[in-house]
């Protein structure tokens, strides 16, 4: 039996609320939030205490053509590099309403490869 779109949206919303209830970012340890659309992936470093976005990036701005998974891993590495420039060594990972696999996992692994600690 197939799920209706409203049931899928409801499950995603509940997953997002459950995830966000447990995590919050600070200036020393910001939240690494991942958003995944059908075409692109984007990531943000967010300081929730001051309600500020410290850095944001997207696979849309990456040079050259690459597969979505490879682009997501490259985005994670760029995020780690940007965090290093801002003297940030640890983050709290926010997968949002997405399961931890595929492109979301690739962003996390790329960030770890770049030197960020979760």
N, C-alpha and C. Protein backbone atom coordinates (compact mmCIF):
# COMPACT_ATOMS: atom_id res chain seq x y z
N UNK A 1 0.84 -1.19 0.00
CA UNK A 1 0.00 0.00 0.00
C UNK A 1 0.88 1.25 0.00
N UNK A 2 0.57 2.21 -0.82
CA UNK A 2 1.35 3.44 -0.92
C UNK A 2 0.86 4.46 0.08
N UNK A 3 1.80 5.24 0.57
CA UNK A 3 1.45 6.32 1.49
C UNK A 3 1.02 7.53 0.68
N UNK A 4 0.11 8.28 1.21
CA UNK A 4 -0.28 9.51 0.54
C UNK A 4 0.74 10.59 0.85
N UNK A 5 0.75 11.64 0.06
CA UNK A 5 1.70 12.73 0.26
C UNK A 5 1.53 13.38 1.62
N UNK A 6 0.30 13.49 2.09
CA UNK A 6 0.08 14.12 3.38
C UNK A 6 0.66 13.26 4.51
N UNK A 7 0.59 11.96 4.37
CA UNK A 7 1.18 11.08 5.39
C UNK A 7 2.69 11.20 5.39
N UNK A 8 3.30 11.31 4.23
CA UNK A 8 4.75 11.48 4.12
C UNK A 8 5.15 12.82 4.73
N UNK A 9 4.41 13.87 4.41
CA UNK A 9 4.71 15.19 4.98
C UNK A 9 4.59 15.17 6.49
N UNK A 10 3.59 14.48 7.00
CA UNK A 10 3.39 14.39 8.45
C UNK A 10 4.55 13.66 9.12
N UNK A 11 5.01 12.56 8.52
CA UNK A 11 6.15 11.82 9.08
C UNK A 11 7.41 12.68 9.07
N UNK A 12 7.63 13.40 7.96
CA UNK A 12 8.80 14.28 7.88
C UNK A 12 8.75 15.39 8.92
N UNK A 13 7.57 15.98 9.10
CA UNK A 13 7.42 17.05 10.08
C UNK A 13 7.70 16.54 11.48
N UNK A 14 7.15 15.38 11.82
CA UNK A 14 7.39 14.81 13.15
C UNK A 14 8.86 14.50 13.36
N UNK A 15 9.51 13.99 12.32
CA UNK A 15 10.94 13.68 12.42
C UNK A 15 11.75 14.95 12.62
N UNK A 16 11.38 16.03 11.93
CA UNK A 16 12.08 17.29 12.07
C UNK A 16 11.91 17.87 13.47
N UNK A 17 10.70 17.85 13.99
CA UNK A 17 10.43 18.37 15.34
C UNK A 17 11.21 17.57 16.38
N UNK A 18 11.22 16.25 16.22
CA UNK A 18 11.93 15.38 17.15
C UNK A 18 13.44 15.66 17.10
N UNK A 19 13.98 15.87 15.92
CA UNK A 19 15.40 16.15 15.76
C UNK A 19 15.76 17.50 16.35
N UNK A 20 14.99 18.52 16.02
CA UNK A 20 15.32 19.89 16.44
C UNK A 20 15.09 20.12 17.93
N UNK A 21 14.27 19.29 18.58
CA UNK A 21 14.03 19.47 20.01
C UNK A 21 15.28 19.14 20.82
N UNK A 22 16.16 18.32 20.27
CA UNK A 22 17.31 17.84 21.00
C UNK A 22 18.57 18.66 20.76
N UNK A 23 18.61 19.48 19.71
CA UNK A 23 19.86 20.16 19.35
C UNK A 23 19.67 21.67 19.25
N UNK A 24 20.76 22.37 19.53
CA UNK A 24 20.80 23.81 19.40
C UNK A 24 22.25 24.22 19.23
N UNK A 25 22.50 25.25 18.43
CA UNK A 25 23.85 25.69 18.17
C UNK A 25 24.22 26.93 18.95
N UNK A 26 25.51 27.06 19.26
CA UNK A 26 26.04 28.23 19.93
C UNK A 26 27.14 28.81 19.06
N UNK A 27 27.75 29.91 19.50
CA UNK A 27 28.82 30.52 18.72
C UNK A 27 30.04 29.60 18.68
N UNK A 28 30.33 28.89 19.79
CA UNK A 28 31.49 28.01 19.84
C UNK A 28 31.23 26.69 19.11
N UNK A 29 29.98 26.21 19.18
CA UNK A 29 29.60 24.94 18.56
C UNK A 29 28.29 25.14 17.80
N UNK A 30 28.37 25.70 16.58
CA UNK A 30 27.15 26.00 15.83
C UNK A 30 26.47 24.73 15.29
N UNK A 31 25.26 24.93 14.84
CA UNK A 31 24.47 23.84 14.26
C UNK A 31 24.75 23.79 12.76
N UNK A 32 25.11 22.61 12.27
CA UNK A 32 25.31 22.39 10.84
C UNK A 32 24.01 21.82 10.29
N UNK A 33 23.24 22.68 9.64
CA UNK A 33 21.93 22.31 9.13
C UNK A 33 22.03 21.96 7.65
N UNK A 34 21.44 20.84 7.26
CA UNK A 34 21.49 20.37 5.88
C UNK A 34 20.09 20.43 5.27
N UNK A 35 20.00 20.98 4.06
CA UNK A 35 18.74 21.00 3.32
C UNK A 35 18.98 20.29 1.99
N UNK A 36 18.02 19.48 1.60
CA UNK A 36 18.16 18.68 0.39
C UNK A 36 16.94 18.90 -0.48
N UNK A 37 17.16 19.43 -1.68
CA UNK A 37 16.06 19.53 -2.64
C UNK A 37 16.26 18.43 -3.67
N UNK A 38 15.42 18.37 -4.67
CA UNK A 38 15.57 17.33 -5.67
C UNK A 38 16.85 17.52 -6.50
N UNK A 39 17.29 18.75 -6.67
CA UNK A 39 18.45 19.02 -7.52
C UNK A 39 19.70 19.38 -6.74
N UNK A 40 19.57 20.17 -5.68
CA UNK A 40 20.73 20.68 -4.95
C UNK A 40 20.71 20.28 -3.48
N UNK A 41 21.86 20.46 -2.85
CA UNK A 41 21.99 20.27 -1.41
C UNK A 41 22.62 21.54 -0.86
N UNK A 42 22.16 22.00 0.30
CA UNK A 42 22.76 23.18 0.90
C UNK A 42 23.02 22.93 2.37
N UNK A 43 23.99 23.68 2.91
CA UNK A 43 24.36 23.53 4.31
C UNK A 43 24.56 24.92 4.91
N UNK A 44 24.26 25.03 6.20
CA UNK A 44 24.43 26.30 6.92
C UNK A 44 25.04 26.02 8.28
N UNK A 45 25.89 26.94 8.72
CA UNK A 45 26.38 26.94 10.10
C UNK A 45 25.59 28.01 10.82
N UNK A 46 24.83 27.62 11.84
CA UNK A 46 23.88 28.53 12.49
C UNK A 46 24.19 28.64 13.98
N UNK A 47 24.24 29.88 14.46
CA UNK A 47 24.36 30.16 15.89
C UNK A 47 22.95 30.47 16.39
N UNK A 48 22.31 29.50 17.05
CA UNK A 48 20.93 29.66 17.51
C UNK A 48 20.82 30.63 18.67
N UNK A 49 21.87 30.76 19.46
CA UNK A 49 21.82 31.66 20.61
C UNK A 49 21.67 33.11 20.15
N UNK A 50 22.36 33.48 19.07
CA UNK A 50 22.28 34.83 18.54
C UNK A 50 21.36 34.94 17.33
N UNK A 51 20.76 33.83 16.92
CA UNK A 51 19.89 33.77 15.73
C UNK A 51 20.61 34.31 14.50
N UNK A 52 21.82 33.78 14.25
CA UNK A 52 22.63 34.24 13.11
C UNK A 52 23.11 33.05 12.30
N UNK A 53 23.15 33.24 10.99
CA UNK A 53 23.77 32.27 10.11
C UNK A 53 25.22 32.68 9.93
N UNK A 54 26.15 31.82 10.33
CA UNK A 54 27.57 32.13 10.26
C UNK A 54 28.13 31.88 8.87
N UNK A 55 27.60 30.85 8.19
CA UNK A 55 28.07 30.52 6.84
C UNK A 55 27.00 29.72 6.15
N UNK A 56 26.89 29.88 4.85
CA UNK A 56 25.97 29.04 4.08
C UNK A 56 26.60 28.72 2.73
N UNK A 57 26.30 27.55 2.24
CA UNK A 57 26.82 27.12 0.95
C UNK A 57 25.88 26.13 0.30
N UNK A 58 26.05 25.97 -1.01
CA UNK A 58 25.18 25.09 -1.75
C UNK A 58 25.96 24.39 -2.86
N UNK A 59 25.47 23.24 -3.29
CA UNK A 59 26.10 22.55 -4.41
C UNK A 59 25.87 23.31 -5.71
N UNK A 60 24.95 24.25 -5.68
CA UNK A 60 24.66 25.06 -6.86
C UNK A 60 25.88 25.90 -7.25
N UNK A 61 26.68 26.31 -6.26
CA UNK A 61 27.81 27.18 -6.52
C UNK A 61 29.11 26.42 -6.79
N UNK A 62 29.07 25.09 -6.76
CA UNK A 62 30.29 24.31 -7.01
C UNK A 62 30.63 24.32 -8.50
N UNK A 63 31.92 24.45 -8.82
CA UNK A 63 32.32 24.46 -10.23
C UNK A 63 32.29 23.06 -10.83
N UNK A 64 32.02 22.98 -12.12
CA UNK A 64 32.05 21.70 -12.82
C UNK A 64 30.80 20.87 -12.59
N UNK A 65 30.70 19.80 -13.37
CA UNK A 65 29.58 18.88 -13.22
C UNK A 65 30.02 17.68 -12.42
N UNK A 66 29.23 17.29 -11.44
CA UNK A 66 29.49 16.09 -10.67
C UNK A 66 28.18 15.50 -10.21
N UNK A 67 28.24 14.25 -9.82
CA UNK A 67 27.04 13.58 -9.32
C UNK A 67 26.61 14.21 -8.00
N UNK A 68 25.34 14.03 -7.65
CA UNK A 68 24.79 14.66 -6.45
C UNK A 68 25.51 14.22 -5.18
N UNK A 69 25.86 12.93 -5.09
CA UNK A 69 26.52 12.41 -3.90
C UNK A 69 27.92 12.99 -3.75
N UNK A 70 28.66 13.06 -4.85
CA UNK A 70 30.01 13.62 -4.82
C UNK A 70 29.96 15.12 -4.51
N UNK A 71 28.97 15.80 -5.06
CA UNK A 71 28.82 17.24 -4.79
C UNK A 71 28.48 17.47 -3.33
N UNK A 72 27.67 16.61 -2.74
CA UNK A 72 27.30 16.76 -1.33
C UNK A 72 28.53 16.55 -0.44
N UNK A 73 29.38 15.59 -0.78
CA UNK A 73 30.59 15.38 0.00
C UNK A 73 31.53 16.57 -0.13
N UNK A 74 31.64 17.12 -1.33
CA UNK A 74 32.46 18.32 -1.54
C UNK A 74 31.91 19.50 -0.74
N UNK A 75 30.60 19.61 -0.66
CA UNK A 75 29.96 20.66 0.14
C UNK A 75 30.33 20.52 1.61
N UNK A 76 30.37 19.29 2.11
CA UNK A 76 30.78 19.04 3.48
C UNK A 76 32.21 19.48 3.73
N UNK A 77 33.10 19.21 2.78
CA UNK A 77 34.49 19.63 2.90
C UNK A 77 34.61 21.15 2.90
N UNK A 78 33.84 21.81 2.03
CA UNK A 78 33.84 23.28 1.99
C UNK A 78 33.31 23.87 3.29
N UNK A 79 32.32 23.21 3.86
CA UNK A 79 31.76 23.66 5.14
C UNK A 79 32.82 23.57 6.23
N UNK A 80 33.57 22.47 6.24
CA UNK A 80 34.63 22.30 7.23
C UNK A 80 35.73 23.35 7.05
N UNK A 81 36.04 23.66 5.81
CA UNK A 81 37.07 24.67 5.53
C UNK A 81 36.61 26.05 6.01
N UNK A 82 35.34 26.38 5.73
CA UNK A 82 34.79 27.67 6.16
C UNK A 82 34.73 27.76 7.68
N UNK A 83 34.39 26.64 8.32
CA UNK A 83 34.33 26.62 9.79
C UNK A 83 35.73 26.80 10.36
N UNK A 84 36.73 26.20 9.74
CA UNK A 84 38.10 26.35 10.19
C UNK A 84 38.58 27.79 10.10
N UNK A 85 38.16 28.50 9.06
CA UNK A 85 38.52 29.91 8.90
C UNK A 85 37.88 30.77 9.99
N UNK A 86 36.74 30.33 10.50
CA UNK A 86 36.06 31.05 11.58
C UNK A 86 36.45 30.51 12.95
N UNK A 87 37.49 29.66 12.98
CA UNK A 87 38.02 29.07 14.22
C UNK A 87 36.97 28.21 14.94
N UNK A 88 36.20 27.46 14.15
CA UNK A 88 35.20 26.54 14.69
C UNK A 88 35.70 25.13 14.42
N UNK A 89 35.82 24.32 15.47
CA UNK A 89 36.34 22.96 15.28
C UNK A 89 35.27 21.89 15.51
N UNK A 90 34.16 22.25 16.17
CA UNK A 90 33.11 21.27 16.46
C UNK A 90 31.75 21.87 16.14
N UNK A 91 30.85 21.03 15.65
CA UNK A 91 29.49 21.45 15.31
C UNK A 91 28.49 20.43 15.84
N UNK A 92 27.23 20.82 15.83
CA UNK A 92 26.12 19.92 16.12
C UNK A 92 25.43 19.66 14.79
N UNK A 93 25.30 18.41 14.40
CA UNK A 93 24.75 18.08 13.08
C UNK A 93 23.23 18.05 13.13
N UNK A 94 22.60 18.78 12.21
CA UNK A 94 21.13 18.84 12.12
C UNK A 94 20.72 18.29 10.77
N UNK A 95 20.20 17.07 10.76
CA UNK A 95 19.76 16.45 9.51
C UNK A 95 18.37 16.90 9.11
N UNK A 96 17.72 17.65 9.99
CA UNK A 96 16.38 18.15 9.69
C UNK A 96 15.37 17.03 9.62
N UNK A 97 14.57 17.01 8.57
CA UNK A 97 13.54 15.99 8.44
C UNK A 97 14.00 14.82 7.58
N UNK A 98 15.29 14.79 7.26
CA UNK A 98 15.80 13.75 6.36
C UNK A 98 16.46 12.62 7.15
N UNK A 99 16.40 11.44 6.61
CA UNK A 99 17.07 10.30 7.23
C UNK A 99 18.57 10.46 6.99
N UNK A 100 19.36 9.85 7.87
CA UNK A 100 20.81 9.96 7.78
C UNK A 100 21.34 8.91 6.79
N UNK A 101 21.19 9.20 5.51
CA UNK A 101 21.76 8.36 4.47
C UNK A 101 21.81 9.18 3.19
N UNK A 102 22.50 8.70 2.20
CA UNK A 102 22.58 9.39 0.92
C UNK A 102 23.33 10.69 1.01
N UNK A 103 22.74 11.75 0.45
CA UNK A 103 23.41 13.05 0.40
C UNK A 103 23.63 13.67 1.77
N UNK A 104 22.69 13.46 2.70
CA UNK A 104 22.84 14.01 4.05
C UNK A 104 24.06 13.37 4.72
N UNK A 105 24.21 12.07 4.58
CA UNK A 105 25.35 11.36 5.13
C UNK A 105 26.64 11.80 4.45
N UNK A 106 26.59 12.05 3.14
CA UNK A 106 27.77 12.48 2.40
C UNK A 106 28.26 13.85 2.88
N UNK A 107 27.34 14.76 3.19
CA UNK A 107 27.72 16.07 3.73
C UNK A 107 28.43 15.88 5.06
N UNK A 108 27.88 15.02 5.91
CA UNK A 108 28.48 14.78 7.23
C UNK A 108 29.86 14.16 7.10
N UNK A 109 30.01 13.18 6.22
CA UNK A 109 31.30 12.53 6.04
C UNK A 109 32.32 13.49 5.44
N UNK A 110 31.89 14.34 4.52
CA UNK A 110 32.80 15.33 3.94
C UNK A 110 33.26 16.34 4.99
N UNK A 111 32.35 16.73 5.87
CA UNK A 111 32.71 17.67 6.94
C UNK A 111 33.69 17.02 7.91
N UNK A 112 33.47 15.76 8.22
CA UNK A 112 34.41 15.04 9.10
C UNK A 112 35.77 14.90 8.44
N UNK A 113 35.77 14.62 7.13
CA UNK A 113 37.02 14.50 6.40
C UNK A 113 37.78 15.83 6.39
N UNK A 114 37.03 16.93 6.37
CA UNK A 114 37.61 18.27 6.40
C UNK A 114 38.11 18.68 7.77
N UNK A 115 37.79 17.91 8.82
CA UNK A 115 38.33 18.19 10.14
C UNK A 115 37.32 18.63 11.18
N UNK A 116 36.04 18.69 10.84
CA UNK A 116 35.03 19.06 11.83
C UNK A 116 34.72 17.88 12.75
N UNK A 117 34.46 18.18 14.00
CA UNK A 117 34.07 17.15 14.96
C UNK A 117 32.59 17.32 15.28
N UNK A 118 31.89 16.20 15.36
CA UNK A 118 30.45 16.21 15.66
C UNK A 118 30.25 15.76 17.07
